[in-house]
Amino acid sequence: MAAPSYTTDLIDLIADSDTTAWGELVTMASGGAPDEADTESALQGTNSVSQITNTTSLFSMCRILGSPVTLNTGDVFLVWHCHSVATALLNYASGGLRLFIANTLTDWKGWSVGGNDVAPYPYGNWINNPIDPTIAYEYSNGTAPTGLTFYGVGSGGILSQVVARGQPHKVDIIRYGRAEARINGGDITNGYATFDGFATLNDATSARWGLIQTTTGGYLWKGLLTLGYSSMVDFRDSNKTIFVQDTRKVYLAFNKIEIRQTGSRVDWTGINFTCLSPSTTASKGALEVIDDADVNFDTCVFTDMNTFIFKANSTIQDSTFRRCDLVTQGSAVFTSCTFTNTTNSVKAILSDNPQNISNCTFVSSGTKHAIELTSACVGGTYTFTSNTFTGYASSNGSTGNEAIYNNSGGLVTLNIISSTSPSIRNGSGASTIVNNAVSLTIKVVDKNNSSVENAQTAIYRTSDDLQLMNGDTNASGVATSSFNYISDTAIYVRIRKSSTGTTKYYPASTVGTITSVGYSATITLIEDTTA
């Protein structure tokens, strides 16, 4: 492969050189006349547009083009804008900061995008907001534009107090597109593709794409991140934090990572993705392996995100999915991962091969399953190793909180090894055999701690006196058996020893519990000296 390539699909809607025909929208015209060539405030390029806001009434700036712009389905328009005196902005609910599309200065519609209570305010300044023009709008005048075609874009807002000095309302580059960060290339000779590689170009004053931008503590990301755009990528990065931007006026799948090209390789170690605003954003961020690339995640953390879809060549190790939506296994290997408090309505992970899930920890959100088995599991026998389940139903049933939901429509056999024995829910036509063999071990000794051979040893279930084990101790004084562990089982143990010559023993007994690690006890027989 060649050196990494970092590009986007963004198209300038109103370019840096476009310094004419700005005006205020009708009914939002209480600010000053737009300064169309403000070179002092420029964020991108050399020019911006700015405005006096010596008012507590609505203000705006909008550029009406001579020809209409038509976006493709799924496209957004993106505006760099701000109000420099952020503490004067009203809050989001009051429409402190807004964006608009228009056909004329009279015919427009708009959306709240910020205020003094939405990041980066009240401490920050410039923000790049994306808008899907087809979603419901909050403000309008005249005949509002419909669909994906319009003539102009603008910014505006309202303050709680006048700002008498300067021109604090500013607009810079306006673009449109899918907001796609396109990455391909990378190798050991030319360097691997990285987050910083893209961010370095993104943050250049000639670009300011606003897709993966450097921020305090990591990177701020939005849009579609395509790893392997049009050709293979070798993307390897470690110990980075990526924040998913609060994007309130977009569709669910807007913030997404797609891994493409079967020859691609993506290695992430210690990568931390966090949605900054899961309760307000319209798109918390998703990940999908589109083509079966070589994907390796190690010690990564994903917090408050949407769905994840993997494939067979994906290996996920020591990683955490915290308050995320459904993870679709796709035969991927999950080792020593943690799934906590899924936000999916049914389960944390959709599995087509439970044998590839090992040493994982599942923590219930209270009403969800840990794992749902698909129809690909029908008739399969799977080794299920060292998985633990916390907060799930303690017994089989249909509460919706059983650890495993066999929704395959057929028989599935799970051979449990060193795992918490999972509670099972069987869907329509499904049945599940759980084999969780644990050892039952009784050692019998005399008062001198010497082994007692041929002592009859029996174990019974306390609840119904069912005999679980009956056998004689061997030369080492040990009797063993196995038990199919489903849940902790209360037991009692009885030991008898037939007379050996002149030596006789009193019968002995004890009580205990078979747990997920089995049961083991040493019992001392006392010699009957009265016989």
Protein backbone atom coordinates (compact mmCIF):
# COMPACT_ATOMS: atom_id res chain seq x y z
CA MET A 1 0.00 0.00 0.00
CA ALA A 2 0.91 3.66 -0.29
CA ALA A 3 1.13 6.42 2.28
CA PRO A 4 -2.09 7.19 4.18
CA SER A 5 -4.63 9.31 2.33
CA TYR A 6 -7.02 11.60 4.19
CA THR A 7 -9.83 13.24 2.22
CA THR A 8 -13.50 14.20 2.60
CA ASP A 9 -16.62 14.46 0.48
CA LEU A 10 -17.38 18.02 1.63
CA ILE A 11 -18.33 20.60 -0.99
CA ASP A 12 -18.14 24.34 -0.37
CA LEU A 13 -21.66 25.73 -0.31
CA ILE A 14 -20.61 29.27 0.53
CA ALA A 15 -16.89 29.62 -0.07
CA ASP A 16 -14.34 31.74 1.76
CA SER A 17 -14.19 34.09 -1.21
CA ASP A 18 -17.96 34.64 -1.26
CA THR A 19 -18.32 38.06 0.36
CA THR A 20 -21.52 39.45 -1.16
CA ALA A 21 -25.29 39.26 -0.84
CA TRP A 22 -25.50 38.61 2.89
CA GLY A 23 -28.56 39.96 4.69
CA GLU A 24 -30.81 39.47 7.71
CA LEU A 25 -33.83 37.18 7.59
CA VAL A 26 -37.24 38.78 7.81
CA THR A 27 -38.53 38.72 11.44
CA MET A 28 -34.93 38.13 12.63
CA ALA A 29 -33.46 41.47 11.59
CA SER A 30 -32.52 43.22 14.83
CA GLY A 31 -28.77 42.83 14.48
CA GLY A 32 -26.39 44.97 12.50
CA ALA A 33 -25.81 44.70 8.78
CA PRO A 34 -23.50 41.75 8.06
CA ASP A 35 -19.85 42.66 7.65
CA GLU A 36 -19.17 40.51 4.61
CA ALA A 37 -15.38 40.81 4.62
CA ASP A 38 -14.28 40.39 8.23
CA THR A 39 -10.67 39.25 7.83
CA GLU A 40 -9.88 39.68 11.53
CA SER A 41 -12.25 36.95 12.73
CA ALA A 42 -11.55 34.31 10.08
CA LEU A 43 -11.40 30.72 11.29
CA GLN A 44 -11.01 29.09 7.87
CA GLY A 45 -9.15 30.77 5.07
CA THR A 46 -8.86 34.56 5.28
CA ASN A 47 -12.44 35.77 5.51
CA SER A 48 -15.55 35.51 7.67
CA VAL A 49 -18.86 37.33 8.04
CA SER A 50 -19.71 39.04 11.32
CA GLN A 51 -22.43 41.17 12.88
CA ILE A 52 -23.18 43.57 15.70
CA THR A 53 -25.73 42.19 18.22
CA ASN A 54 -26.62 45.25 20.30
CA THR A 55 -30.10 43.83 20.90
CA THR A 56 -32.14 41.31 22.86
CA SER A 57 -34.34 40.70 19.81
CA LEU A 58 -33.74 38.10 17.11
CA PHE A 59 -30.73 38.60 14.84
CA SER A 60 -29.45 36.67 11.82
CA MET A 61 -27.14 36.59 8.81
CA CYS A 62 -28.02 34.65 5.65
CA ARG A 63 -26.45 34.35 2.19
CA ILE A 64 -28.92 33.84 -0.69
CA LEU A 65 -27.31 32.25 -3.75
CA GLY A 66 -28.29 32.93 -7.34
CA SER A 67 -28.85 29.22 -8.05
CA PRO A 68 -30.33 26.53 -5.82
CA VAL A 69 -28.30 23.83 -4.09
CA THR A 70 -29.66 20.28 -3.96
CA LEU A 71 -28.28 17.82 -1.42
CA ASN A 72 -28.29 14.06 -1.85
CA THR A 73 -30.32 11.90 0.54
CA GLY A 74 -28.29 11.53 3.71
CA ASP A 75 -26.35 14.73 3.16
CA VAL A 76 -26.19 17.56 5.65
CA PHE A 77 -25.03 21.14 5.51
CA LEU A 78 -22.37 22.21 8.00
CA VAL A 79 -21.77 25.73 9.27
CA TRP A 80 -18.90 27.16 11.28
CA HIS A 81 -20.46 29.89 13.41
CA CYS A 82 -20.41 31.34 16.92
CA HIS A 83 -21.37 34.13 19.25
CA SER A 84 -18.25 35.33 21.05
CA VAL A 85 -20.11 36.48 24.17
CA ALA A 86 -21.55 33.08 24.94
CA THR A 87 -22.84 34.00 28.40
CA ALA A 88 -25.24 36.44 26.73
CA LEU A 89 -26.88 33.72 24.63
CA LEU A 90 -30.22 32.36 25.74
CA ASN A 91 -30.32 28.60 26.28
CA TYR A 92 -30.93 25.86 23.71
CA ALA A 93 -34.65 25.60 24.46
CA SER A 94 -35.01 29.32 23.73
CA GLY A 95 -33.10 29.04 20.46
CA GLY A 96 -30.04 30.90 21.70
CA LEU A 97 -28.08 29.85 18.59
CA ARG A 98 -29.81 28.78 15.37
CA LEU A 99 -29.18 27.70 11.78
CA PHE A 100 -31.41 28.25 8.75
CA ILE A 101 -31.99 27.40 5.13
CA ALA A 102 -33.84 29.84 2.92
CA ASN A 103 -35.09 30.46 -0.57
CA THR A 104 -35.31 34.22 0.05
CA LEU A 105 -34.75 36.37 3.13
CA THR A 106 -38.51 36.14 3.62
CA ASP A 107 -38.97 32.42 3.03
CA TRP A 108 -36.96 30.34 5.48
CA LYS A 109 -36.96 27.68 8.20
CA GLY A 110 -34.59 27.06 11.08
CA TRP A 111 -33.41 24.89 13.95
CA SER A 112 -31.98 25.41 17.43
CA VAL A 113 -28.40 24.19 17.54
CA GLY A 114 -26.96 25.78 20.68
CA GLY A 115 -27.16 28.15 23.58
CA ASN A 116 -25.38 28.99 26.80
CA ASP A 117 -26.08 25.47 28.07
CA VAL A 118 -24.70 23.48 25.08
CA ALA A 119 -21.02 22.76 24.42
CA PRO A 120 -18.73 24.46 23.62
CA TYR A 121 -20.60 27.23 25.45
CA PRO A 122 -20.46 28.99 27.82
CA TYR A 123 -16.65 28.72 27.77
CA GLY A 124 -15.93 28.01 24.11
CA ASN A 125 -16.48 29.84 20.87
CA TRP A 126 -16.62 28.38 17.31
CA ILE A 127 -18.77 25.32 16.65
CA ASN A 128 -19.37 23.35 13.47
CA ASN A 129 -23.01 22.28 13.42
CA PRO A 130 -24.47 19.80 10.90
CA ILE A 131 -28.14 19.93 9.85
CA ASP A 132 -30.22 17.40 7.96
CA PRO A 133 -32.62 19.77 6.15
CA THR A 134 -35.37 17.14 5.99
CA ILE A 135 -35.88 16.86 9.76
CA ALA A 136 -38.56 18.79 11.62
CA TYR A 137 -37.80 22.50 12.00
CA GLU A 138 -38.67 24.80 14.90
CA TYR A 139 -38.82 28.22 13.28
CA SER A 140 -40.05 29.49 9.92
CA ASN A 141 -41.34 32.44 7.97
CA GLY A 142 -43.12 32.76 4.66
CA THR A 143 -43.00 29.67 2.46
CA ALA A 144 -40.41 27.44 4.07
CA PRO A 145 -38.07 25.41 1.81
CA THR A 146 -38.98 21.76 1.47
CA GLY A 147 -36.91 18.66 0.73
CA LEU A 148 -33.21 18.91 -0.07
CA THR A 149 -33.22 21.98 -2.34
CA PHE A 150 -32.69 25.55 -1.13
CA TYR A 151 -30.95 28.81 -2.09
CA GLY A 152 -29.27 29.95 1.08
CA VAL A 153 -27.92 29.17 4.54
CA GLY A 154 -27.73 31.37 7.61
CA SER A 155 -27.04 31.64 11.31
CA GLY A 156 -28.84 33.56 14.01
CA GLY A 157 -29.91 33.68 17.61
CA ILE A 158 -31.21 35.64 20.55
CA LEU A 159 -29.55 37.09 23.64
CA SER A 160 -30.53 37.66 27.24
CA GLN A 161 -28.67 40.99 27.24
CA VAL A 162 -27.31 43.36 24.62
CA VAL A 163 -23.68 43.12 23.58
CA ALA A 164 -22.74 46.67 22.65
CA ARG A 165 -19.17 46.13 21.59
CA GLY A 166 -17.68 44.42 18.59
CA GLN A 167 -19.25 42.06 16.09
CA PRO A 168 -19.66 38.87 18.16
CA HIS A 169 -21.96 36.94 15.82
CA LYS A 170 -19.75 35.27 13.21
CA VAL A 171 -20.10 32.82 10.33
CA ASP A 172 -17.28 31.18 8.41
CA ILE A 173 -17.07 28.38 5.84
CA ILE A 174 -20.35 26.60 4.98
CA ARG A 175 -20.20 23.18 3.31
CA TYR A 176 -22.42 20.22 2.50
CA GLY A 177 -22.12 16.45 1.95
CA ARG A 178 -22.35 13.21 3.90
CA ALA A 179 -19.68 14.64 6.23
CA GLU A 180 -17.47 11.68 5.36
CA ALA A 181 -13.88 11.36 6.56
CA ARG A 182 -12.26 9.12 3.93
CA ILE A 183 -9.11 7.22 4.86
CA ASN A 184 -7.13 4.66 2.88
CA GLY A 185 -3.52 3.60 2.41
CA GLY A 186 -0.88 3.22 5.10
CA ASP A 187 1.90 0.69 5.62
CA ILE A 188 5.04 0.07 7.68
CA THR A 189 7.23 1.98 5.22
CA ASN A 190 5.07 5.05 4.70
CA GLY A 191 3.43 5.03 8.13
CA TYR A 192 0.07 3.71 9.20
CA ALA A 193 -3.14 5.70 9.00
CA THR A 194 -4.02 7.30 12.35
CA PHE A 195 -6.55 9.61 13.98
CA ASP A 196 -3.92 12.31 14.29
CA GLY A 197 -3.04 11.96 10.61
CA PHE A 198 -6.56 12.98 9.65
CA ALA A 199 -6.90 15.59 12.41
CA THR A 200 -3.73 17.36 11.30
CA LEU A 201 -5.20 18.02 7.86
CA ASN A 202 -8.68 18.66 9.29
CA ASP A 203 -7.38 21.41 11.59
CA ALA A 204 -5.38 23.31 8.98
CA THR A 205 -6.69 26.85 8.46
CA SER A 206 -7.09 26.07 4.77
CA ALA A 207 -9.44 23.17 5.62
CA ARG A 208 -11.31 23.30 8.95
CA TRP A 209 -13.39 20.30 7.88
CA GLY A 210 -14.85 19.84 11.36
CA LEU A 211 -14.96 16.03 11.09
CA ILE A 212 -12.12 14.79 13.34
CA GLN A 213 -10.72 17.84 15.09
CA THR A 214 -8.19 18.10 17.88
CA THR A 215 -9.70 19.04 21.22
CA THR A 216 -8.68 18.98 24.85
CA GLY A 217 -7.97 15.39 25.83
CA GLY A 218 -8.41 13.87 22.38
CA TYR A 219 -10.45 14.37 19.22
CA LEU A 220 -13.99 15.55 18.52
CA TRP A 221 -15.64 13.42 15.83
CA LYS A 222 -18.81 13.54 13.79
CA GLY A 223 -20.09 12.22 10.47
CA LEU A 224 -19.13 9.07 8.58
CA LEU A 225 -15.62 7.74 9.22
CA THR A 226 -14.77 5.37 6.36
CA LEU A 227 -11.68 3.25 6.96
CA GLY A 228 -10.82 1.75 3.59
CA TYR A 229 -12.50 4.28 1.32
CA SER A 230 -12.28 2.97 -2.30
CA SER A 231 -9.13 0.95 -1.48
CA MET A 232 -7.50 -0.84 1.43
CA VAL A 233 -6.40 0.88 4.62
CA ASP A 234 -3.85 -0.09 7.27
CA PHE A 235 -5.00 1.93 10.26
CA ARG A 236 -3.13 1.37 13.53
CA ASP A 237 -3.42 3.62 16.53
CA SER A 238 -3.27 3.44 20.32
CA ASN A 239 -4.13 5.35 23.49
CA LYS A 240 -6.43 7.92 21.96
CA THR A 241 -9.74 9.37 23.16
CA ILE A 242 -12.44 10.26 20.66
CA PHE A 243 -15.51 12.22 21.71
CA VAL A 244 -18.70 11.90 19.65
CA GLN A 245 -20.03 15.41 19.05
CA ASP A 246 -23.47 16.41 20.27
CA THR A 247 -25.32 16.51 16.92
CA ARG A 248 -29.00 17.14 17.58
CA LYS A 249 -30.34 17.92 14.12
CA VAL A 250 -29.26 14.83 12.17
CA TYR A 251 -30.51 11.27 11.66
CA LEU A 252 -29.67 8.22 13.81
CA ALA A 253 -26.95 6.77 11.55
CA PHE A 254 -25.18 10.09 10.91
CA ASN A 255 -22.24 9.39 13.24
CA LYS A 256 -20.86 6.06 12.09
CA ILE A 257 -17.60 4.20 11.50
CA GLU A 258 -17.44 1.84 8.52
CA ILE A 259 -14.52 -0.55 7.93
CA ARG A 260 -14.30 -1.53 4.27
CA GLN A 261 -12.18 -3.67 1.88
CA THR A 262 -11.38 -7.27 2.87
CA GLY A 263 -7.65 -6.56 2.60
CA SER A 264 -7.79 -3.74 5.14
CA ARG A 265 -6.35 -3.96 8.62
CA VAL A 266 -7.50 -1.92 11.61
CA ASP A 267 -5.64 -2.28 14.92
CA TRP A 268 -6.84 -0.21 17.88
CA THR A 269 -5.20 -0.49 21.29
CA GLY A 270 -6.47 1.59 24.19
CA ILE A 271 -8.86 3.58 21.99
CA ASN A 272 -11.66 5.20 23.97
CA PHE A 273 -14.84 6.36 22.20
CA THR A 274 -17.29 8.35 24.34
CA CYS A 275 -20.56 9.95 23.31
CA LEU A 276 -20.57 13.31 25.08
CA SER A 277 -24.34 13.74 25.18
CA PRO A 278 -26.27 10.45 24.94
CA SER A 279 -29.47 12.04 26.25
CA THR A 280 -29.58 14.86 23.70
CA THR A 281 -27.71 13.88 20.53
CA ALA A 282 -29.64 12.35 17.64
CA SER A 283 -26.71 10.07 16.73
CA LYS A 284 -24.57 8.49 19.46
CA GLY A 285 -22.12 6.83 17.06
CA ALA A 286 -22.09 3.32 15.57
CA LEU A 287 -19.49 0.96 14.09
CA GLU A 288 -19.90 -1.61 11.31
CA VAL A 289 -17.38 -3.90 9.67
CA ILE A 290 -18.81 -3.83 6.13
CA ASP A 291 -16.21 -6.12 4.52
CA ASP A 292 -14.49 -8.94 6.42
CA ALA A 293 -11.28 -7.02 7.09
CA ASP A 294 -8.63 -7.88 9.68
CA VAL A 295 -9.94 -5.96 12.71
CA ASN A 296 -8.23 -6.10 16.11
CA PHE A 297 -9.43 -4.14 19.15
CA ASP A 298 -7.49 -4.47 22.42
CA THR A 299 -8.30 -2.65 25.69
CA CYS A 300 -10.71 -0.32 23.93
CA VAL A 301 -13.68 1.31 25.67
CA PHE A 302 -16.94 2.32 23.99
CA THR A 303 -19.31 4.37 26.14
CA ASP A 304 -22.91 5.44 25.46
CA MET A 305 -22.82 4.56 21.77
CA ASN A 306 -25.22 2.93 19.34
CA THR A 307 -24.78 -0.43 17.58
CA PHE A 308 -21.70 -2.46 16.64
CA ILE A 309 -21.53 -5.03 13.84
CA PHE A 310 -18.49 -7.28 13.44
CA LYS A 311 -17.44 -10.12 11.13
CA ALA A 312 -15.44 -13.35 11.42
CA ASN A 313 -12.00 -11.73 11.07
CA SER A 314 -12.65 -9.35 13.94
CA THR A 315 -10.94 -10.02 17.29
CA ILE A 316 -12.09 -7.98 20.28
CA GLN A 317 -10.02 -8.41 23.43
CA ASP A 318 -10.13 -6.84 26.91
CA SER A 319 -12.57 -4.23 25.66
CA THR A 320 -15.63 -2.67 27.28
CA PHE A 321 -19.04 -1.83 25.83
CA ARG A 322 -20.65 0.43 28.44
CA ARG A 323 -24.28 1.50 28.00
CA CYS A 324 -24.13 0.75 24.27
CA ASP A 325 -26.82 -0.63 22.00
CA LEU A 326 -26.70 -4.08 20.38
CA VAL A 327 -23.38 -5.70 19.51
CA THR A 328 -23.74 -8.15 16.60
CA GLN A 329 -21.05 -10.81 16.81
CA GLY A 330 -20.87 -11.93 13.19
CA SER A 331 -18.66 -14.88 14.33
CA ALA A 332 -16.06 -12.45 15.71
CA VAL A 333 -13.92 -13.53 18.69
CA PHE A 334 -14.60 -11.77 22.00
CA THR A 335 -12.12 -12.49 24.79
CA SER A 336 -12.10 -10.92 28.28
CA CYS A 337 -14.57 -8.23 27.25
CA THR A 338 -17.12 -6.48 29.46
CA PHE A 339 -20.69 -5.67 28.49
CA THR A 340 -22.48 -3.46 30.99
CA ASN A 341 -26.01 -2.06 31.03
CA THR A 342 -26.93 -2.46 27.38
CA THR A 343 -29.42 0.05 26.03
CA ASN A 344 -30.84 -2.45 23.55
CA SER A 345 -34.42 -3.45 24.28
CA VAL A 346 -33.62 -7.19 24.38
CA LYS A 347 -29.94 -8.13 24.70
CA ALA A 348 -26.32 -6.98 24.82
CA ILE A 349 -24.90 -9.19 22.07
CA LEU A 350 -26.45 -11.12 19.19
CA SER A 351 -24.39 -14.30 18.81
CA ASP A 352 -24.03 -16.77 15.97
CA ASN A 353 -21.13 -18.59 17.67
CA PRO A 354 -21.11 -18.53 21.48
CA GLN A 355 -17.90 -20.59 21.55
CA ASN A 356 -16.10 -17.44 20.37
CA ILE A 357 -17.20 -15.60 23.51
CA SER A 358 -14.91 -16.43 26.44
CA ASN A 359 -13.74 -14.91 29.72
CA CYS A 360 -16.31 -12.15 29.25
CA THR A 361 -18.28 -10.33 31.92
CA PHE A 362 -21.92 -9.37 31.46
CA VAL A 363 -23.67 -6.97 33.84
CA SER A 364 -27.45 -6.72 33.54
CA SER A 365 -29.30 -3.45 33.11
CA GLY A 366 -32.19 -5.14 34.92
CA THR A 367 -34.49 -6.28 32.15
CA LYS A 368 -32.27 -7.48 29.29
CA HIS A 369 -30.53 -10.68 28.23
CA ALA A 370 -26.76 -10.89 27.98
CA ILE A 371 -26.66 -13.03 24.81
CA GLU A 372 -29.26 -13.91 22.20
CA LEU A 373 -28.50 -16.94 20.01
CA THR A 374 -29.43 -16.74 16.32
CA SER A 375 -30.68 -19.44 13.96
CA ALA A 376 -27.05 -20.08 12.94
CA CYS A 377 -26.64 -21.87 16.28
CA VAL A 378 -29.30 -24.55 15.67
CA GLY A 379 -27.95 -28.05 16.25
CA GLY A 380 -24.61 -26.77 17.47
CA THR A 381 -22.62 -27.86 20.51
CA TYR A 382 -20.50 -25.05 21.88
CA THR A 383 -17.85 -24.86 24.58
CA PHE A 384 -18.64 -21.83 26.71
CA THR A 385 -15.62 -20.83 28.76
CA SER A 386 -15.13 -18.60 31.80
CA ASN A 387 -18.00 -16.16 31.26
CA THR A 388 -19.69 -14.48 34.22
CA PHE A 389 -23.18 -13.00 34.51
CA THR A 390 -24.15 -10.46 37.16
CA GLY A 391 -27.68 -9.27 37.90
CA TYR A 392 -29.47 -11.69 35.57
CA ALA A 393 -32.32 -14.03 36.49
CA SER A 394 -31.12 -16.82 38.77
CA SER A 395 -33.23 -19.53 37.12
CA ASN A 396 -34.55 -20.44 33.70
CA GLY A 397 -37.74 -18.75 32.57
CA SER A 398 -39.11 -15.98 30.39
CA THR A 399 -38.70 -12.83 32.49
CA GLY A 400 -36.61 -11.14 29.80
CA ASN A 401 -33.61 -10.98 32.12
CA GLU A 402 -32.24 -14.49 31.65
CA ALA A 403 -28.54 -14.54 30.80
CA ILE A 404 -28.98 -16.40 27.51
CA TYR A 405 -31.96 -16.15 25.17
CA ASN A 406 -31.99 -19.11 22.79
CA ASN A 407 -33.98 -17.60 19.95
CA SER A 408 -32.50 -19.95 17.35
CA GLY A 409 -35.68 -21.97 16.85
CA GLY A 410 -33.89 -25.25 17.60
CA LEU A 411 -31.66 -27.23 19.94
CA VAL A 412 -28.42 -25.69 21.20
CA THR A 413 -25.99 -27.44 23.56
CA LEU A 414 -23.66 -25.43 25.77
CA ASN A 415 -20.76 -27.15 27.51
CA ILE A 416 -19.86 -24.82 30.34
CA ILE A 417 -16.24 -24.57 31.50
CA SER A 418 -15.37 -22.40 34.50
CA SER A 419 -18.28 -20.09 33.78
CA THR A 420 -21.17 -18.88 35.83
CA SER A 421 -23.94 -21.25 34.80
CA PRO A 422 -26.26 -19.00 32.79
CA SER A 423 -30.01 -18.87 33.20
CA ILE A 424 -31.81 -19.74 29.97
CA ARG A 425 -34.84 -18.44 28.12
CA ASN A 426 -36.00 -20.56 25.19
CA GLY A 427 -37.79 -18.85 22.33
CA SER A 428 -40.34 -20.43 20.03
CA GLY A 429 -39.23 -23.91 18.97
CA ALA A 430 -35.93 -23.60 20.85
CA SER A 431 -34.44 -25.84 23.53
CA THR A 432 -31.13 -25.64 25.34
CA ILE A 433 -28.96 -28.28 26.99
CA VAL A 434 -26.55 -26.82 29.51
CA ASN A 435 -23.73 -29.12 30.56
CA ASN A 436 -21.79 -27.60 33.43
CA ALA A 437 -19.87 -30.45 35.04
CA VAL A 438 -18.34 -29.55 38.39
CA SER A 439 -16.50 -31.90 40.75
CA LEU A 440 -17.87 -33.28 43.99
CA THR A 441 -14.99 -34.43 46.22
CA ILE A 442 -15.18 -35.94 49.70
CA LYS A 443 -12.05 -36.97 51.62
CA VAL A 444 -12.54 -39.19 54.68
CA VAL A 445 -9.91 -39.40 57.42
CA ASP A 446 -9.68 -40.77 60.96
CA LYS A 447 -8.72 -38.93 64.12
CA ASN A 448 -5.05 -39.26 63.20
CA ASN A 449 -5.72 -37.68 59.81
CA SER A 450 -5.04 -40.97 58.09
CA SER A 451 -7.05 -41.85 54.99
CA VAL A 452 -10.03 -44.11 55.47
CA GLU A 453 -10.60 -46.49 52.58
CA ASN A 454 -13.93 -48.04 51.58
CA ALA A 455 -16.03 -45.51 53.48
CA GLN A 456 -19.47 -45.32 51.91
CA THR A 457 -20.02 -41.68 50.84
CA ALA A 458 -23.34 -40.20 49.69
CA ILE A 459 -24.48 -36.68 48.81
CA TYR A 460 -28.15 -35.66 48.72
CA ARG A 461 -29.96 -32.54 47.51
CA THR A 462 -31.55 -30.87 50.51
CA SER A 463 -34.69 -29.70 48.73
CA ASP A 464 -35.96 -33.18 47.77
CA ASP A 465 -33.42 -35.72 49.14
CA LEU A 466 -32.34 -36.65 45.60
CA GLN A 467 -29.13 -38.67 45.72
CA LEU A 468 -26.40 -36.91 43.75
CA MET A 469 -23.46 -39.19 44.59
CA ASN A 470 -22.91 -42.62 46.18
CA GLY A 471 -19.55 -44.39 46.25
CA ASP A 472 -16.73 -45.72 48.38
CA THR A 473 -13.52 -43.90 49.15
CA ASN A 474 -10.33 -45.12 47.49
CA ALA A 475 -6.99 -45.91 49.10
CA SER A 476 -6.38 -42.18 49.53
CA GLY A 477 -9.70 -41.79 51.35
CA VAL A 478 -11.27 -39.88 48.46
CA ALA A 479 -14.62 -40.33 46.72
CA THR A 480 -15.42 -38.21 43.67
CA SER A 481 -18.20 -37.61 41.21
CA SER A 482 -19.40 -34.88 38.85
CA PHE A 483 -22.51 -32.74 38.94
CA ASN A 484 -24.22 -30.67 36.23
CA TYR A 485 -24.26 -27.27 37.89
CA ILE A 486 -27.21 -25.00 37.08
CA SER A 487 -27.39 -22.91 40.23
CA ASP A 488 -26.14 -23.07 43.81
CA THR A 489 -27.55 -26.25 45.35
CA ALA A 490 -27.88 -26.95 49.08
CA ILE A 491 -26.77 -30.51 50.01
CA TYR A 492 -26.14 -32.82 52.93
CA VAL A 493 -23.44 -35.50 53.09
CA ARG A 494 -23.51 -38.86 54.92
CA ILE A 495 -20.53 -41.15 55.58
CA ARG A 496 -20.62 -44.73 56.89
CA LYS A 497 -17.78 -47.22 57.34
CA SER A 498 -18.24 -50.96 57.74
CA SER A 499 -16.32 -52.65 60.55
CA THR A 500 -12.72 -53.49 59.73
CA GLY A 501 -11.54 -56.14 62.15
CA THR A 502 -12.13 -54.76 65.61
CA THR A 503 -12.31 -51.08 64.41
CA LYS A 504 -15.71 -49.48 64.17
CA TYR A 505 -16.71 -45.83 63.38
CA TYR A 506 -19.66 -43.66 64.14
CA PRO A 507 -21.55 -42.45 61.03
CA ALA A 508 -20.72 -38.83 60.11
CA SER A 509 -22.59 -36.10 58.27
CA THR A 510 -22.27 -32.47 57.20
CA VAL A 511 -24.09 -29.90 55.09
CA GLY A 512 -22.90 -27.58 52.35
CA THR A 513 -23.59 -25.97 48.98
CA ILE A 514 -22.55 -26.94 45.47
CA THR A 515 -21.42 -23.76 43.72
CA SER A 516 -20.07 -23.00 40.26
CA VAL A 517 -16.70 -24.41 41.38
CA GLY A 518 -18.25 -27.62 42.71
CA TYR A 519 -18.02 -28.93 46.25
CA SER A 520 -15.15 -30.28 48.33
CA ALA A 521 -15.00 -31.34 51.99
CA THR A 522 -12.87 -33.35 54.38
CA ILE A 523 -14.77 -35.38 56.96
CA THR A 524 -13.29 -37.06 60.04
CA LEU A 525 -14.73 -40.39 61.22
CA ILE A 526 -14.71 -40.95 64.95
CA GLU A 527 -13.90 -44.45 66.24
CA ASP A 528 -16.62 -46.16 68.23
CA THR A 529 -14.73 -47.39 71.32
CA THR A 530 -17.86 -48.74 73.03
CA ALA A 531 -18.45 -51.50 70.49
